[in-house]
PDB file of N, CA and C in Angstrom:
ATOM      1  N   MET A   1       4.978 -11.541 -11.273  1.00  0.00           N
ATOM      2  CA  MET A   1       3.997 -10.312 -11.218  1.00  0.00           C
ATOM      3  C   MET A   1       2.666 -10.754 -10.206  1.00  0.00           C
ATOM      4  N   MET A   2       2.431 -10.034  -9.513  1.00  0.00           N
ATOM      5  CA  MET A   2       1.292 -10.273  -8.516  1.00  0.00           C
ATOM      6  C   MET A   2      -0.134  -9.848  -9.339  1.00  0.00           C
ATOM      7  N   SER A   3      -1.309 -10.367  -9.008  1.00  0.00           N
ATOM      8  CA  SER A   3      -2.435 -10.114  -9.706  1.00  0.00           C
ATOM      9  C   SER A   3      -3.015  -8.692  -8.690  1.00  0.00           C
ATOM     10  N   ALA A   4      -3.838  -8.189  -9.547  1.00  0.00           N
ATOM     11  CA  ALA A   4      -4.452  -6.927  -9.074  1.00  0.00           C
ATOM     12  C   ALA A   4      -5.470  -7.202  -7.667  1.00  0.00           C
ATOM     13  N   GLN A   5      -5.922  -8.043  -7.634  1.00  0.00           N
ATOM     14  CA  GLN A   5      -6.622  -8.646  -6.459  1.00  0.00           C
ATOM     15  C   GLN A   5      -5.925  -9.020  -5.220  1.00  0.00           C
ATOM     16  N   ASP A   6      -4.736  -9.615  -5.661  1.00  0.00           N
ATOM     17  CA  ASP A   6      -3.814  -9.764  -4.173  1.00  0.00           C
ATOM     18  C   ASP A   6      -3.164  -8.382  -4.085  1.00  0.00           C
ATOM     19  N   ALA A   7      -2.833  -7.681  -4.689  1.00  0.00           N
ATOM     20  CA  ALA A   7      -2.254  -6.228  -4.505  1.00  0.00           C
ATOM     21  C   ALA A   7      -3.427  -5.442  -3.850  1.00  0.00           C
ATOM     22  N   GLU A   8      -4.506  -5.526  -3.893  1.00  0.00           N
ATOM     23  CA  GLU A   8      -5.552  -4.784  -3.143  1.00  0.00           C
ATOM     24  C   GLU A   8      -5.827  -5.306  -2.021  1.00  0.00           C
ATOM     25  N   LYS A   9      -5.805  -6.635  -1.740  1.00  0.00           N
ATOM     26  CA  LYS A   9      -5.686  -7.258  -0.341  1.00  0.00           C
ATOM     27  C   LYS A   9      -4.671  -6.717   0.469  1.00  0.00           C
ATOM     28  N   ILE A  10      -3.247  -6.924  -0.002  1.00  0.00           N
ATOM     29  CA  ILE A  10      -1.909  -6.059   0.611  1.00  0.00           C
ATOM     30  C   ILE A  10      -2.341  -4.824   1.032  1.00  0.00           C
ATOM     31  N   ILE A  11      -2.954  -3.866  -0.001  1.00  0.00           N
ATOM     32  CA  ILE A  11      -3.063  -2.634   0.137  1.00  0.00           C
ATOM     33  C   ILE A  11      -4.099  -2.325   1.246  1.00  0.00           C
ATOM     34  N   LYS A  12      -5.177  -3.091   1.507  1.00  0.00           N
ATOM     35  CA  LYS A  12      -6.341  -2.995   2.424  1.00  0.00           C
ATOM     36  C   LYS A  12      -5.459  -3.011   3.834  1.00  0.00           C
ATOM     37  N   PHE A  13      -4.687  -4.241   4.045  1.00  0.00           N
ATOM     38  CA  PHE A  13      -3.860  -4.718   5.064  1.00  0.00           C
ATOM     39  C   PHE A  13      -3.195  -3.583   5.566  1.00  0.00           C
ATOM     40  N   LEU A  14      -2.281  -2.650   4.687  1.00  0.00           N
ATOM     41  CA  LEU A  14      -1.160  -1.613   4.894  1.00  0.00           C
ATOM     42  C   LEU A  14      -2.436  -0.321   5.262  1.00  0.00           C
ATOM     43  N   SER A  15      -3.209  -0.417   4.690  1.00  0.00           N
ATOM     44  CA  SER A  15      -4.237   0.977   5.091  1.00  0.00           C
ATOM     45  C   SER A  15      -4.615   0.877   6.611  1.00  0.00           C
ATOM     46  N   ALA A  16      -4.795  -0.415   7.051  1.00  0.00           N
ATOM     47  CA  ALA A  16      -5.133  -0.303   8.603  1.00  0.00           C
ATOM     48  C   ALA A  16      -4.005   0.140   9.421  1.00  0.00           C
ATOM     49  N   GLY A  17      -2.953   0.136   9.113  1.00  0.00           N
ATOM     50  CA  GLY A  17      -1.780   0.751   9.570  1.00  0.00           C
ATOM     51  C   GLY A  17      -1.690   2.118   9.675  1.00  0.00           C
ATOM     52  N   TRP A  18      -2.021   2.616   8.379  1.00  0.00           N
ATOM     53  CA  TRP A  18      -2.078   4.065   8.108  1.00  0.00           C
ATOM     54  C   TRP A  18      -3.075   4.593   8.881  1.00  0.00           C
ATOM     55  N   PHE A  19      -4.245   4.097   9.140  1.00  0.00           N
ATOM     56  CA  PHE A  19      -5.374   4.710  10.081  1.00  0.00           C
ATOM     57  C   PHE A  19      -4.930   4.440  11.516  1.00  0.00           C
ATOM     58  N   ALA A  20      -3.850   3.645  11.999  1.00  0.00           N
ATOM     59  CA  ALA A  20      -3.785   3.305  13.184  1.00  0.00           C
ATOM     60  C   ALA A  20      -2.896   4.273  13.786  1.00  0.00           C
ATOM     61  N   THR A  21      -2.166   5.046  13.001  1.00  0.00           N
ATOM     62  CA  THR A  21      -0.614   5.922  13.304  1.00  0.00           C
ATOM     63  C   THR A  21      -1.237   7.617  13.050  1.00  0.00           C
ATOM     64  N   GLU A  22      -0.809   8.326  13.555  1.00  0.00           N
ATOM     65  CA  GLU A  22      -0.839   9.688  13.305  1.00  0.00           C
ATOM     66  C   GLU A  22       0.610  10.364  12.846  1.00  0.00           C
ATOM     67  N   ASP A  23       1.402   9.623  12.857  1.00  0.00           N
ATOM     68  CA  ASP A  23       2.977   9.866  12.587  1.00  0.00           C
ATOM     69  C   ASP A  23       2.868  10.238  11.273  1.00  0.00           C
ATOM     70  N   PRO A  24       3.394  11.255  10.893  1.00  0.00           N
ATOM     71  CA  PRO A  24       3.449  11.471   9.150  1.00  0.00           C
ATOM     72  C   PRO A  24       4.389  10.544   8.282  1.00  0.00           C
ATOM     73  N   GLU A  25       5.720  10.372   9.050  1.00  0.00           N
ATOM     74  CA  GLU A  25       6.676   9.482   8.518  1.00  0.00           C
ATOM     75  C   GLU A  25       6.210   8.172   8.246  1.00  0.00           C
ATOM     76  N   ALA A  26       5.511   7.704   9.209  1.00  0.00           N
ATOM     77  CA  ALA A  26       4.892   6.093   9.183  1.00  0.00           C
ATOM     78  C   ALA A  26       4.141   6.193   8.137  1.00  0.00           C
ATOM     79  N   ARG A  27       3.042   7.240   8.069  1.00  0.00           N
ATOM     80  CA  ARG A  27       1.815   7.231   6.997  1.00  0.00           C
ATOM     81  C   ARG A  27       2.677   7.101   5.443  1.00  0.00           C
ATOM     82  N   ASN A  28       3.788   8.330   5.529  1.00  0.00           N
ATOM     83  CA  ASN A  28       4.587   8.078   4.060  1.00  0.00           C
ATOM     84  C   ASN A  28       4.996   6.636   3.884  1.00  0.00           C
ATOM     85  N   GLU A  29       5.435   6.305   4.818  1.00  0.00           N
ATOM     86  CA  GLU A  29       6.120   4.848   4.557  1.00  0.00           C
ATOM     87  C   GLU A  29       5.007   3.953   4.183  1.00  0.00           C
ATOM     88  N   PHE A  30       3.912   3.705   4.712  1.00  0.00           N
ATOM     89  CA  PHE A  30       2.961   2.702   4.467  1.00  0.00           C
ATOM     90  C   PHE A  30       2.233   3.269   3.054  1.00  0.00           C
ATOM     91  N   ASN A  31       2.416   4.574   2.391  1.00  0.00           N
ATOM     92  CA  ASN A  31       1.851   4.859   1.243  1.00  0.00           C
ATOM     93  C   ASN A  31       3.113   4.451   0.283  1.00  0.00           C
ATOM     94  N   ARG A  32       4.316   4.424   0.685  1.00  0.00           N
ATOM     95  CA  ARG A  32       5.248   4.197  -0.228  1.00  0.00           C
ATOM     96  C   ARG A  32       5.244   2.651  -0.510  1.00  0.00           C
ATOM     97  N   LEU A  33       5.066   1.921   0.597  1.00  0.00           N
ATOM     98  CA  LEU A  33       4.526   0.245   0.445  1.00  0.00           C
ATOM     99  C   LEU A  33       3.523  -0.045  -0.527  1.00  0.00           C
ATOM    100  N   ALA A  34       2.446   0.814  -0.380  1.00  0.00           N
ATOM    101  CA  ALA A  34       1.305   0.441  -1.172  1.00  0.00           C
ATOM    102  C   ALA A  34       1.648   0.693  -2.654  1.00  0.00           C
ATOM    103  N   ASN A  35       2.428   1.916  -2.769  1.00  0.00           N
ATOM    104  CA  ASN A  35       2.746   2.005  -4.357  1.00  0.00           C
ATOM    105  C   ASN A  35       3.810   0.868  -4.739  1.00  0.00           C
ATOM    106  N   GLU A  36       4.419   0.336  -3.965  1.00  0.00           N
ATOM    107  CA  GLU A  36       5.403  -0.748  -4.344  1.00  0.00           C
ATOM    108  C   GLU A  36       4.760  -1.816  -4.671  1.00  0.00           C
ATOM    109  N   VAL A  37       3.768  -2.218  -4.015  1.00  0.00           N
ATOM    110  CA  VAL A  37       2.733  -3.176  -4.027  1.00  0.00           C
ATOM    111  C   VAL A  37       1.794  -3.036  -5.533  1.00  0.00           C
ATOM    112  N   ARG A  38       1.369  -1.741  -5.563  1.00  0.00           N
ATOM    113  CA  ARG A  38       0.770  -1.652  -6.888  1.00  0.00           C
ATOM    114  C   ARG A  38       1.747  -1.744  -8.215  1.00  0.00           C
ATOM    115  N   LYS A  39       3.039  -1.376  -8.058  1.00  0.00           N
ATOM    116  CA  LYS A  39       3.898  -1.380  -9.036  1.00  0.00           C
ATOM    117  C   LYS A  39       4.114  -2.965  -9.557  1.00  0.00           C
ATOM    118  N   ALA A  40       4.370  -3.938  -8.486  1.00  0.00           N
ATOM    119  CA  ALA A  40       4.528  -5.352  -8.628  1.00  0.00           C
ATOM    120  C   ALA A  40       3.513  -5.589  -9.242  1.00  0.00           C
ATOM    121  N   ALA A  41       2.140  -5.181  -9.036  1.00  0.00           N
ATOM    122  CA  ALA A  41       0.720  -5.812  -9.891  1.00  0.00           C
ATOM    123  C   ALA A  41       0.534  -5.116 -11.172  1.00  0.00           C
ATOM    124  N   GLY A  42       1.330  -4.224 -11.516  1.00  0.00           N
ATOM    125  CA  GLY A  42       1.220  -3.383 -12.795  1.00  0.00           C
ATOM    126  C   GLY A  42       0.163  -2.309 -12.745  1.00  0.00           C
ATOM    127  N   LEU A  43      -0.027  -1.831 -11.420  1.00  0.00           N
ATOM    128  CA  LEU A  43      -1.136  -0.898 -11.365  1.00  0.00           C
ATOM    129  C   LEU A  43      -0.441   0.402 -11.199  1.00  0.00           C
ATOM    130  N   PRO A  44      -1.171   1.633 -11.464  1.00  0.00           N
ATOM    131  CA  PRO A  44      -0.585   2.949 -11.432  1.00  0.00           C
ATOM    132  C   PRO A  44      -0.429   3.314 -10.069  1.00  0.00           C
ATOM    133  N   PRO A  45       0.681   3.876  -9.722  1.00  0.00           N
ATOM    134  CA  PRO A  45       0.687   4.412  -8.082  1.00  0.00           C
ATOM    135  C   PRO A  45      -0.441   5.513  -7.872  1.00  0.00           C
ATOM    136  N   GLN A  46      -0.604   5.891  -6.514  1.00  0.00           N
ATOM    137  CA  GLN A  46      -1.694   6.734  -6.207  1.00  0.00           C
ATOM    138  C   GLN A  46      -0.944   7.795  -5.375  1.00  0.00           C
TER     139      GLN A  46
END
């Protein structure tokens, strides 16, 4: 299990990709990955 702090760092990194693209499929994938990271840290999905 990862810490919530580590999860937030990874999600911040992923969010840069989310803002860099306008492709809806890519944004959905970034959101899916962020939720997987949240799940690994025991945080609720968004």
